């Protein structure tokens, strides 16, 4: 059955994928194309480039605090340098402890968010920065903000399967929590199959709270599956959301049973997709594996 713990674990995989430094997409400070007439870098540019390199080297071996010091120095040397902002923001984001609302943790999170906002002021369609902000907002439990940023990603790139997946996961988590709260107040344990024996009053309350959430979750997760082959996590979450849709079809026995059947179908598809991925990985030569 749908569990916020399981969904959160699935999302952490997504967030981990977002936390890659932007070396591949934003050139380091002072780098220019070759050719005659290129000016030699100034001492400040040399120092900036050195700080970025030292920060990257420290980051790659897991010394995040040292990396932050170098990236912060680079950002101070050239406050308008996007590379330095992305590097520093990414390193700070890795310091944010998920689900911890201490002042220090929230301060680090906000510092990282502010840096990515500065990047977006100059590069408003930078999807990586949008995703970074979304990941940080999720980590500090600002789910609505995280979802809003993923929707901004989709506005730029409708085929971004990961962003659609995250929107669906957040909707599913909220729908699950809403349903459990209503059922608990009614003294009923969720059966994950539409709760056909629950009182009408409780189920009407669930319908009122979860109608839009379930609709958007199904749409977003379906979009994710359409845009990424064998997206097992999205398939699994589709199955979970169909169990919440069964709540909405309370009173319509045929529809409720169809929802449960679809939930089981998507669960089976997810299992098969994961199996296919593992088989493909096993068939790859060792040199092709990461």
C-alpha atoms as a PDB file:
ATOM      1  CA  UNK A   1       0.000   0.000   0.000  1.00  0.00           C
ATOM      2  CA  UNK A   2       1.042   3.602  -0.515  1.00  0.00           C
ATOM      3  CA  UNK A   3       3.492   4.728   2.098  1.00  0.00           C
ATOM      4  CA  UNK A   4       5.071   8.145   2.442  1.00  0.00           C
ATOM      5  CA  UNK A   5       8.195   6.354   3.648  1.00  0.00           C
ATOM      6  CA  UNK A   6       8.442   4.343   0.441  1.00  0.00           C
ATOM      7  CA  UNK A   7       7.685   7.383  -1.696  1.00  0.00           C
ATOM      8  CA  UNK A   8      10.260   9.419   0.185  1.00  0.00           C
ATOM      9  CA  UNK A   9      12.849   6.711  -0.354  1.00  0.00           C
ATOM     10  CA  UNK A  10      12.060   6.682  -4.063  1.00  0.00           C
ATOM     11  CA  UNK A  11      12.380  10.458  -4.213  1.00  0.00           C
ATOM     12  CA  UNK A  12      15.774  10.375  -2.506  1.00  0.00           C
ATOM     13  CA  UNK A  13      17.069   8.434  -5.484  1.00  0.00           C
ATOM     14  CA  UNK A  14      15.806  11.224  -7.705  1.00  0.00           C
ATOM     15  CA  UNK A  15      17.376  13.926  -5.544  1.00  0.00           C
ATOM     16  CA  UNK A  16      20.694  12.088  -5.550  1.00  0.00           C
ATOM     17  CA  UNK A  17      20.629  12.235  -9.318  1.00  0.00           C
ATOM     18  CA  UNK A  18      20.213  15.998  -9.199  1.00  0.00           C
ATOM     19  CA  UNK A  19      23.259  16.585  -7.041  1.00  0.00           C
ATOM     20  CA  UNK A  20      25.866  16.375  -9.821  1.00  0.00           C
ATOM     21  CA  UNK A  21      28.124  19.377 -10.188  1.00  0.00           C
ATOM     22  CA  UNK A  22      27.535  21.432 -13.311  1.00  0.00           C
ATOM     23  CA  UNK A  23      31.009  21.043 -14.774  1.00  0.00           C
ATOM     24  CA  UNK A  24      29.575  19.492 -17.905  1.00  0.00           C
ATOM     25  CA  UNK A  25      27.099  22.266 -18.632  1.00  0.00           C
ATOM     26  CA  UNK A  26      28.660  25.552 -17.469  1.00  0.00           C
ATOM     27  CA  UNK A  27      32.276  26.347 -18.445  1.00  0.00           C
ATOM     28  CA  UNK A  28      34.654  27.228 -15.644  1.00  0.00           C
ATOM     29  CA  UNK A  29      35.629  30.836 -15.104  1.00  0.00           C
ATOM     30  CA  UNK A  30      38.251  32.222 -17.425  1.00  0.00           C
ATOM     31  CA  UNK A  31      37.800  29.486 -20.049  1.00  0.00           C
ATOM     32  CA  UNK A  32      37.510  30.752 -23.607  1.00  0.00           C
ATOM     33  CA  UNK A  33      37.809  29.269 -27.029  1.00  0.00           C
ATOM     34  CA  UNK A  34      41.237  29.012 -28.628  1.00  0.00           C
ATOM     35  CA  UNK A  35      42.640  31.152 -31.398  1.00  0.00           C
ATOM     36  CA  UNK A  36      44.891  34.108 -31.929  1.00  0.00           C
ATOM     37  CA  UNK A  37      44.433  37.233 -29.925  1.00  0.00           C
ATOM     38  CA  UNK A  38      43.083  35.546 -26.793  1.00  0.00           C
ATOM     39  CA  UNK A  39      43.972  37.589 -23.745  1.00  0.00           C
ATOM     40  CA  UNK A  40      45.891  35.930 -20.978  1.00  0.00           C
ATOM     41  CA  UNK A  41      43.879  35.430 -17.766  1.00  0.00           C
ATOM     42  CA  UNK A  42      44.340  37.995 -15.051  1.00  0.00           C
ATOM     43  CA  UNK A  43      45.753  37.031 -11.626  1.00  0.00           C
ATOM     44  CA  UNK A  44      42.188  37.146 -10.253  1.00  0.00           C
ATOM     45  CA  UNK A  45      40.967  34.792 -12.964  1.00  0.00           C
ATOM     46  CA  UNK A  46      43.827  32.420 -12.270  1.00  0.00           C
ATOM     47  CA  UNK A  47      43.009  32.453  -8.555  1.00  0.00           C
ATOM     48  CA  UNK A  48      39.328  31.914  -9.315  1.00  0.00           C
ATOM     49  CA  UNK A  49      40.061  28.963 -11.569  1.00  0.00           C
ATOM     50  CA  UNK A  50      42.376  27.491  -8.933  1.00  0.00           C
ATOM     51  CA  UNK A  51      39.725  27.777  -6.206  1.00  0.00           C
ATOM     52  CA  UNK A  52      37.160  26.041  -8.435  1.00  0.00           C
ATOM     53  CA  UNK A  53      39.589  23.233  -9.246  1.00  0.00           C
ATOM     54  CA  UNK A  54      40.535  22.699  -5.610  1.00  0.00           C
ATOM     55  CA  UNK A  55      36.867  22.712  -4.670  1.00  0.00           C
ATOM     56  CA  UNK A  56      36.043  20.125  -7.323  1.00  0.00           C
ATOM     57  CA  UNK A  57      38.923  17.923  -6.240  1.00  0.00           C
ATOM     58  CA  UNK A  58      37.775  18.079  -2.619  1.00  0.00           C
ATOM     59  CA  UNK A  59      34.150  17.436  -3.570  1.00  0.00           C
ATOM     60  CA  UNK A  60      35.014  14.368  -5.634  1.00  0.00           C
ATOM     61  CA  UNK A  61      36.690  12.666  -2.668  1.00  0.00           C
ATOM     62  CA  UNK A  62      33.850  13.521  -0.303  1.00  0.00           C
ATOM     63  CA  UNK A  63      35.422  16.485   1.519  1.00  0.00           C
ATOM     64  CA  UNK A  64      32.341  18.680   1.210  1.00  0.00           C
ATOM     65  CA  UNK A  65      33.266  21.227   3.893  1.00  0.00           C
ATOM     66  CA  UNK A  66      36.606  21.866   2.217  1.00  0.00           C
ATOM     67  CA  UNK A  67      34.885  22.090  -1.155  1.00  0.00           C
ATOM     68  CA  UNK A  68      32.432  24.662   0.202  1.00  0.00           C
ATOM     69  CA  UNK A  69      35.303  26.837   1.444  1.00  0.00           C
ATOM     70  CA  UNK A  70      36.923  26.862  -1.997  1.00  0.00           C
ATOM     71  CA  UNK A  71      33.664  27.438  -3.866  1.00  0.00           C
ATOM     72  CA  UNK A  72      32.684  30.215  -1.477  1.00  0.00           C
ATOM     73  CA  UNK A  73      36.052  31.881  -2.047  1.00  0.00           C
ATOM     74  CA  UNK A  74      35.549  31.575  -5.809  1.00  0.00           C
ATOM     75  CA  UNK A  75      32.092  33.133  -5.548  1.00  0.00           C
ATOM     76  CA  UNK A  76      33.538  36.013  -3.509  1.00  0.00           C
ATOM     77  CA  UNK A  77      36.250  36.577  -6.109  1.00  0.00           C
ATOM     78  CA  UNK A  78      33.659  36.892  -8.870  1.00  0.00           C
ATOM     79  CA  UNK A  79      30.080  37.311  -7.538  1.00  0.00           C
ATOM     80  CA  UNK A  80      28.712  37.228 -11.075  1.00  0.00           C
ATOM     81  CA  UNK A  81      30.281  33.882 -11.988  1.00  0.00           C
ATOM     82  CA  UNK A  82      27.544  31.302 -12.566  1.00  0.00           C
ATOM     83  CA  UNK A  83      29.910  28.356 -12.319  1.00  0.00           C
ATOM     84  CA  UNK A  84      30.967  29.324  -8.817  1.00  0.00           C
ATOM     85  CA  UNK A  85      27.339  29.788  -7.759  1.00  0.00           C
ATOM     86  CA  UNK A  86      26.294  26.393  -9.136  1.00  0.00           C
ATOM     87  CA  UNK A  87      29.246  24.618  -7.531  1.00  0.00           C
ATOM     88  CA  UNK A  88      28.697  26.292  -4.156  1.00  0.00           C
ATOM     89  CA  UNK A  89      24.942  25.780  -4.265  1.00  0.00           C
ATOM     90  CA  UNK A  90      25.331  22.102  -5.118  1.00  0.00           C
ATOM     91  CA  UNK A  91      27.870  21.494  -2.362  1.00  0.00           C
ATOM     92  CA  UNK A  92      25.662  23.272   0.178  1.00  0.00           C
ATOM     93  CA  UNK A  93      22.633  21.260  -0.974  1.00  0.00           C
ATOM     94  CA  UNK A  94      24.529  18.093  -0.118  1.00  0.00           C
ATOM     95  CA  UNK A  95      24.880  19.372   3.444  1.00  0.00           C
ATOM     96  CA  UNK A  96      21.118  19.657   3.917  1.00  0.00           C
ATOM     97  CA  UNK A  97      19.841  16.872   6.172  1.00  0.00           C
ATOM     98  CA  UNK A  98      16.475  15.577   4.856  1.00  0.00           C
ATOM     99  CA  UNK A  99      13.545  16.180   7.181  1.00  0.00           C
ATOM    100  CA  UNK A 100      15.562  18.148   9.751  1.00  0.00           C
ATOM    101  CA  UNK A 101      14.099  21.554  10.613  1.00  0.00           C
ATOM    102  CA  UNK A 102      16.841  22.927  12.862  1.00  0.00           C
ATOM    103  CA  UNK A 103      17.775  26.581  12.263  1.00  0.00           C
ATOM    104  CA  UNK A 104      21.242  25.598  11.042  1.00  0.00           C
ATOM    105  CA  UNK A 105      19.925  23.058   8.521  1.00  0.00           C
ATOM    106  CA  UNK A 106      17.294  25.468   7.222  1.00  0.00           C
ATOM    107  CA  UNK A 107      19.939  28.201   6.934  1.00  0.00           C
ATOM    108  CA  UNK A 108      22.155  25.993   4.760  1.00  0.00           C
ATOM    109  CA  UNK A 109      19.143  25.043   2.646  1.00  0.00           C
ATOM    110  CA  UNK A 110      18.200  28.673   2.119  1.00  0.00           C
ATOM    111  CA  UNK A 111      21.759  29.639   1.196  1.00  0.00           C
ATOM    112  CA  UNK A 112      21.757  26.968  -1.509  1.00  0.00           C
ATOM    113  CA  UNK A 113      18.312  27.981  -2.762  1.00  0.00           C
ATOM    114  CA  UNK A 114      19.355  31.633  -2.931  1.00  0.00           C
ATOM    115  CA  UNK A 115      22.379  30.743  -5.064  1.00  0.00           C
ATOM    116  CA  UNK A 116      20.275  28.830  -7.571  1.00  0.00           C
ATOM    117  CA  UNK A 117      17.811  31.717  -7.691  1.00  0.00           C
ATOM    118  CA  UNK A 118      20.753  33.963  -8.621  1.00  0.00           C
ATOM    119  CA  UNK A 119      21.676  31.537 -11.409  1.00  0.00           C
ATOM    120  CA  UNK A 120      18.107  31.571 -12.696  1.00  0.00           C
ATOM    121  CA  UNK A 121      18.085  35.376 -12.761  1.00  0.00           C
ATOM    122  CA  UNK A 122      20.747  35.184 -15.475  1.00  0.00           C
ATOM    123  CA  UNK A 123      19.771  31.825 -16.966  1.00  0.00           C
ATOM    124  CA  UNK A 124      15.976  31.616 -16.451  1.00  0.00           C
ATOM    125  CA  UNK A 125      15.586  28.323 -18.329  1.00  0.00           C
ATOM    126  CA  UNK A 126      18.319  26.427 -16.496  1.00  0.00           C
ATOM    127  CA  UNK A 127      16.502  23.202 -15.667  1.00  0.00           C
ATOM    128  CA  UNK A 128      19.311  21.880 -13.459  1.00  0.00           C
ATOM    129  CA  UNK A 129      18.984  24.837 -11.091  1.00  0.00           C
ATOM    130  CA  UNK A 130      15.197  24.414 -10.978  1.00  0.00           C
ATOM    131  CA  UNK A 131      15.644  20.765 -10.052  1.00  0.00           C
ATOM    132  CA  UNK A 132      18.187  21.607  -7.404  1.00  0.00           C
ATOM    133  CA  UNK A 133      15.746  24.001  -5.755  1.00  0.00           C
ATOM    134  CA  UNK A 134      12.986  21.390  -5.968  1.00  0.00           C
ATOM    135  CA  UNK A 135      15.214  18.786  -4.338  1.00  0.00           C
ATOM    136  CA  UNK A 136      16.180  21.100  -1.490  1.00  0.00           C
ATOM    137  CA  UNK A 137      12.561  22.151  -0.889  1.00  0.00           C
ATOM    138  CA  UNK A 138      11.584  18.483  -0.700  1.00  0.00           C
ATOM    139  CA  UNK A 139      14.381  17.791   1.778  1.00  0.00           C
ATOM    140  CA  UNK A 140      13.100  20.471   4.144  1.00  0.00           C
ATOM    141  CA  UNK A 141       9.512  19.207   3.761  1.00  0.00           C
ATOM    142  CA  UNK A 142       8.201  22.066   1.628  1.00  0.00           C
ATOM    143  CA  UNK A 143       6.370  19.697  -0.695  1.00  0.00           C
ATOM    144  CA  UNK A 144       4.162  22.280  -2.380  1.00  0.00           C
ATOM    145  CA  UNK A 145       7.201  24.376  -3.266  1.00  0.00           C
ATOM    146  CA  UNK A 146       9.070  21.314  -4.506  1.00  0.00           C
ATOM    147  CA  UNK A 147       6.139  20.378  -6.723  1.00  0.00           C
ATOM    148  CA  UNK A 148       5.829  23.927  -8.047  1.00  0.00           C
ATOM    149  CA  UNK A 149       9.474  23.922  -9.123  1.00  0.00           C
ATOM    150  CA  UNK A 150       9.124  20.573 -10.863  1.00  0.00           C
ATOM    151  CA  UNK A 151       6.174  22.017 -12.766  1.00  0.00           C
ATOM    152  CA  UNK A 152       8.431  24.868 -13.863  1.00  0.00           C
ATOM    153  CA  UNK A 153      10.824  22.244 -15.189  1.00  0.00           C
ATOM    154  CA  UNK A 154       7.977  20.657 -17.143  1.00  0.00           C
ATOM    155  CA  UNK A 155       7.018  24.050 -18.554  1.00  0.00           C
ATOM    156  CA  UNK A 156      10.501  24.236 -20.069  1.00  0.00           C
ATOM    157  CA  UNK A 157      10.767  20.555 -20.981  1.00  0.00           C
ATOM    158  CA  UNK A 158       7.445  18.636 -21.046  1.00  0.00           C
ATOM    159  CA  UNK A 159       9.340  15.417 -21.734  1.00  0.00           C
ATOM    160  CA  UNK A 160      11.322  15.524 -18.502  1.00  0.00           C
ATOM    161  CA  UNK A 161      10.256  12.175 -17.043  1.00  0.00           C
ATOM    162  CA  UNK A 162      11.919  12.772 -13.696  1.00  0.00           C
ATOM    163  CA  UNK A 163      10.073  16.029 -13.032  1.00  0.00           C
ATOM    164  CA  UNK A 164       6.727  14.458 -13.933  1.00  0.00           C
ATOM    165  CA  UNK A 165       7.534  11.521 -11.672  1.00  0.00           C
ATOM    166  CA  UNK A 166       8.277  13.747  -8.696  1.00  0.00           C
ATOM    167  CA  UNK A 167       5.023  15.692  -9.129  1.00  0.00           C
ATOM    168  CA  UNK A 168       3.130  12.402  -9.128  1.00  0.00           C
ATOM    169  CA  UNK A 169       4.989  11.085  -6.094  1.00  0.00           C
ATOM    170  CA  UNK A 170       4.267  14.207  -4.039  1.00  0.00           C
ATOM    171  CA  UNK A 171       0.589  14.141  -4.994  1.00  0.00           C
ATOM    172  CA  UNK A 172       0.417  10.475  -4.099  1.00  0.00           C
ATOM    173  CA  UNK A 173       2.066  11.031  -0.733  1.00  0.00           C
ATOM    174  CA  UNK A 174      -0.378  13.810   0.139  1.00  0.00           C
ATOM    175  CA  UNK A 175      -3.377  11.759  -0.992  1.00  0.00           C
ATOM    176  CA  UNK A 176      -2.201   8.813   1.077  1.00  0.00           C
ATOM    177  CA  UNK A 177      -1.719  10.938   4.182  1.00  0.00           C
ATOM    178  CA  UNK A 178      -5.140  12.538   3.723  1.00  0.00           C
ATOM    179  CA  UNK A 179      -6.844   9.163   3.421  1.00  0.00           C
ATOM    180  CA  UNK A 180      -5.113   7.701   6.466  1.00  0.00           C
ATOM    181  CA  UNK A 181      -6.033  10.717   8.587  1.00  0.00           C
ATOM    182  CA  UNK A 182      -9.723  10.520   7.658  1.00  0.00           C
ATOM    183  CA  UNK A 183      -9.889   6.747   8.142  1.00  0.00           C
ATOM    184  CA  UNK A 184      -8.100   6.942  11.461  1.00  0.00           C
ATOM    185  CA  UNK A 185     -10.616   9.459  12.766  1.00  0.00           C
ATOM    186  CA  UNK A 186     -13.360   7.052  11.690  1.00  0.00           C
ATOM    187  CA  UNK A 187     -11.640   4.200  13.513  1.00  0.00           C
ATOM    188  CA  UNK A 188     -10.944   2.300  10.280  1.00  0.00           C
ATOM    189  CA  UNK A 189      -7.768   0.699   9.010  1.00  0.00           C
ATOM    190  CA  UNK A 190      -6.977   1.361   5.350  1.00  0.00           C
ATOM    191  CA  UNK A 191      -7.358  -1.822   3.293  1.00  0.00           C
ATOM    192  CA  UNK A 192      -5.718  -0.350   0.175  1.00  0.00           C
ATOM    193  CA  UNK A 193      -8.588  -1.529  -1.988  1.00  0.00           C
ATOM    194  CA  UNK A 194     -11.015   1.362  -1.787  1.00  0.00           C
ATOM    195  CA  UNK A 195     -12.290   0.744   1.756  1.00  0.00           C
ATOM    196  CA  UNK A 196     -15.683  -0.489   0.554  1.00  0.00           C
ATOM    197  CA  UNK A 197     -16.884  -1.063   4.125  1.00  0.00           C
ATOM    198  CA  UNK A 198     -16.030   2.423   5.358  1.00  0.00           C
ATOM    199  CA  UNK A 199     -18.870   4.833   6.233  1.00  0.00           C
ATOM    200  CA  UNK A 200     -20.064   7.148   3.477  1.00  0.00           C
ATOM    201  CA  UNK A 201     -19.205  10.274   5.461  1.00  0.00           C
ATOM    202  CA  UNK A 202     -15.534   9.299   5.721  1.00  0.00           C
ATOM    203  CA  UNK A 203     -15.264   8.388   2.058  1.00  0.00           C
ATOM    204  CA  UNK A 204     -16.923  11.611   0.948  1.00  0.00           C
ATOM    205  CA  UNK A 205     -14.319  13.503   2.955  1.00  0.00           C
ATOM    206  CA  UNK A 206     -11.540  11.571   1.228  1.00  0.00           C
ATOM    207  CA  UNK A 207     -13.066  12.273  -2.178  1.00  0.00           C
ATOM    208  CA  UNK A 208     -13.208  16.002  -1.430  1.00  0.00           C
ATOM    209  CA  UNK A 209      -9.564  16.127  -0.359  1.00  0.00           C
ATOM    210  CA  UNK A 210      -8.016  13.726  -2.843  1.00  0.00           C
ATOM    211  CA  UNK A 211      -9.898  14.148  -6.110  1.00  0.00           C
ATOM    212  CA  UNK A 212      -7.555  16.693  -7.689  1.00  0.00           C
ATOM    213  CA  UNK A 213      -4.435  15.116  -6.163  1.00  0.00           C
ATOM    214  CA  UNK A 214      -5.181  11.656  -7.545  1.00  0.00           C
ATOM    215  CA  UNK A 215      -6.073  13.041 -10.968  1.00  0.00           C
ATOM    216  CA  UNK A 216      -2.814  14.989 -11.223  1.00  0.00           C
ATOM    217  CA  UNK A 217      -0.778  12.070  -9.842  1.00  0.00           C
ATOM    218  CA  UNK A 218      -2.141   9.666 -12.443  1.00  0.00           C
ATOM    219  CA  UNK A 219      -1.535  12.173 -15.226  1.00  0.00           C
ATOM    220  CA  UNK A 220       2.003  13.009 -14.103  1.00  0.00           C
ATOM    221  CA  UNK A 221       3.115   9.435 -13.496  1.00  0.00           C
ATOM    222  CA  UNK A 222       1.645   8.323 -16.817  1.00  0.00           C
ATOM    223  CA  UNK A 223       3.592  11.144 -18.465  1.00  0.00           C
ATOM    224  CA  UNK A 224       6.763   9.920 -16.764  1.00  0.00           C
ATOM    225  CA  UNK A 225       6.226   6.362 -18.029  1.00  0.00           C
ATOM    226  CA  UNK A 226       5.529   7.609 -21.551  1.00  0.00           C
ATOM    227  CA  UNK A 227       8.766   9.571 -21.625  1.00  0.00           C
ATOM    228  CA  UNK A 228      11.113   7.012 -20.047  1.00  0.00           C
ATOM    229  CA  UNK A 229      11.304   3.385 -21.067  1.00  0.00           C
ATOM    230  CA  UNK A 230      11.028   0.921 -18.168  1.00  0.00           C
ATOM    231  CA  UNK A 231      10.561   3.657 -15.541  1.00  0.00           C
ATOM    232  CA  UNK A 232       9.955   1.144 -12.782  1.00  0.00           C
ATOM    233  CA  UNK A 233       9.572   3.643  -9.932  1.00  0.00           C
ATOM    234  CA  UNK A 234       6.907   5.563 -11.848  1.00  0.00           C
ATOM    235  CA  UNK A 235       5.099   2.317 -12.627  1.00  0.00           C
ATOM    236  CA  UNK A 236       5.172   1.257  -8.980  1.00  0.00           C
ATOM    237  CA  UNK A 237       3.803   4.611  -7.868  1.00  0.00           C
ATOM    238  CA  UNK A 238       1.054   4.423 -10.500  1.00  0.00           C
ATOM    239  CA  UNK A 239      -0.029   1.211  -8.828  1.00  0.00           C
ATOM    240  CA  UNK A 240      -0.067   2.912  -5.450  1.00  0.00           C
ATOM    241  CA  UNK A 241      -2.065   5.883  -6.720  1.00  0.00           C
ATOM    242  CA  UNK A 242      -4.667   3.602  -8.306  1.00  0.00           C
ATOM    243  CA  UNK A 243      -5.319   2.264  -4.800  1.00  0.00           C
ATOM    244  CA  UNK A 244      -6.121   5.810  -3.760  1.00  0.00           C
ATOM    245  CA  UNK A 245      -8.320   6.202  -6.805  1.00  0.00           C
ATOM    246  CA  UNK A 246     -10.271   3.208  -5.523  1.00  0.00           C
ATOM    247  CA  UNK A 247     -11.262   5.383  -2.552  1.00  0.00           C
ATOM    248  CA  UNK A 248     -12.705   7.949  -4.952  1.00  0.00           C
ATOM    249  CA  UNK A 249     -14.812   5.263  -6.652  1.00  0.00           C
ATOM    250  CA  UNK A 250     -16.383   4.185  -3.363  1.00  0.00           C
ATOM    251  CA  UNK A 251     -19.967   3.178  -4.006  1.00  0.00           C
ATOM    252  CA  UNK A 252     -19.242   2.084  -7.589  1.00  0.00           C
ATOM    253  CA  UNK A 253     -18.178  -1.513  -7.103  1.00  0.00           C
ATOM    254  CA  UNK A 254     -17.175  -2.134 -10.714  1.00  0.00           C
ATOM    255  CA  UNK A 255     -14.996   0.978 -10.833  1.00  0.00           C
ATOM    256  CA  UNK A 256     -13.419   0.183  -7.458  1.00  0.00           C
ATOM    257  CA  UNK A 257     -12.492  -3.334  -8.578  1.00  0.00           C
ATOM    258  CA  UNK A 258     -11.100  -1.976 -11.836  1.00  0.00           C
ATOM    259  CA  UNK A 259      -8.874   0.430  -9.883  1.00  0.00           C
ATOM    260  CA  UNK A 260      -7.534  -2.403  -7.734  1.00  0.00           C
ATOM    261  CA  UNK A 261      -6.893  -4.504 -10.835  1.00  0.00           C
ATOM    262  CA  UNK A 262      -4.949  -1.642 -12.436  1.00  0.00           C
ATOM    263  CA  UNK A 263      -2.964  -1.201  -9.231  1.00  0.00           C
ATOM    264  CA  UNK A 264      -1.896  -4.833  -9.421  1.00  0.00           C
ATOM    265  CA  UNK A 265      -1.118  -4.543 -13.133  1.00  0.00           C
ATOM    266  CA  UNK A 266       1.177  -1.572 -12.593  1.00  0.00           C
ATOM    267  CA  UNK A 267       2.884  -3.325  -9.700  1.00  0.00           C
ATOM    268  CA  UNK A 268       3.574  -6.300 -11.991  1.00  0.00           C
ATOM    269  CA  UNK A 269       4.847  -3.975 -14.724  1.00  0.00           C
ATOM    270  CA  UNK A 270       7.213  -2.350 -12.234  1.00  0.00           C
ATOM    271  CA  UNK A 271       8.577  -5.722 -11.159  1.00  0.00           C
ATOM    272  CA  UNK A 272       9.093  -6.766 -14.773  1.00  0.00           C
ATOM    273  CA  UNK A 273      10.736  -3.444 -15.620  1.00  0.00           C
ATOM    274  CA  UNK A 274      13.189  -3.784 -12.741  1.00  0.00           C
ATOM    275  CA  UNK A 275      13.924  -7.343 -13.802  1.00  0.00           C
ATOM    276  CA  UNK A 276      14.578  -6.220 -17.371  1.00  0.00           C
ATOM    277  CA  UNK A 277      16.940  -3.502 -16.173  1.00  0.00           C
ATOM    278  CA  UNK A 278      18.887  -5.958 -14.009  1.00  0.00           C
ATOM    279  CA  UNK A 279      19.120  -8.444 -16.862  1.00  0.00           C
ATOM    280  CA  UNK A 280      20.411  -5.746 -19.185  1.00  0.00           C
ATOM    281  CA  UNK A 281      22.998  -4.671 -16.629  1.00  0.00           C
ATOM    282  CA  UNK A 282      24.113  -8.271 -16.107  1.00  0.00           C
ATOM    283  CA  UNK A 283      24.513  -8.736 -19.868  1.00  0.00           C
ATOM    284  CA  UNK A 284      26.733  -5.684 -20.233  1.00  0.00           C
ATOM    285  CA  UNK A 285      30.504  -6.251 -20.381  1.00  0.00           C
ATOM    286  CA  UNK A 286      32.358  -5.123 -17.276  1.00  0.00           C
ATOM    287  CA  UNK A 287      33.967  -2.267 -19.214  1.00  0.00           C
ATOM    288  CA  UNK A 288      30.535  -0.770 -19.940  1.00  0.00           C
ATOM    289  CA  UNK A 289      29.409  -0.763 -16.308  1.00  0.00           C
ATOM    290  CA  UNK A 290      29.899   2.323 -14.144  1.00  0.00           C
END
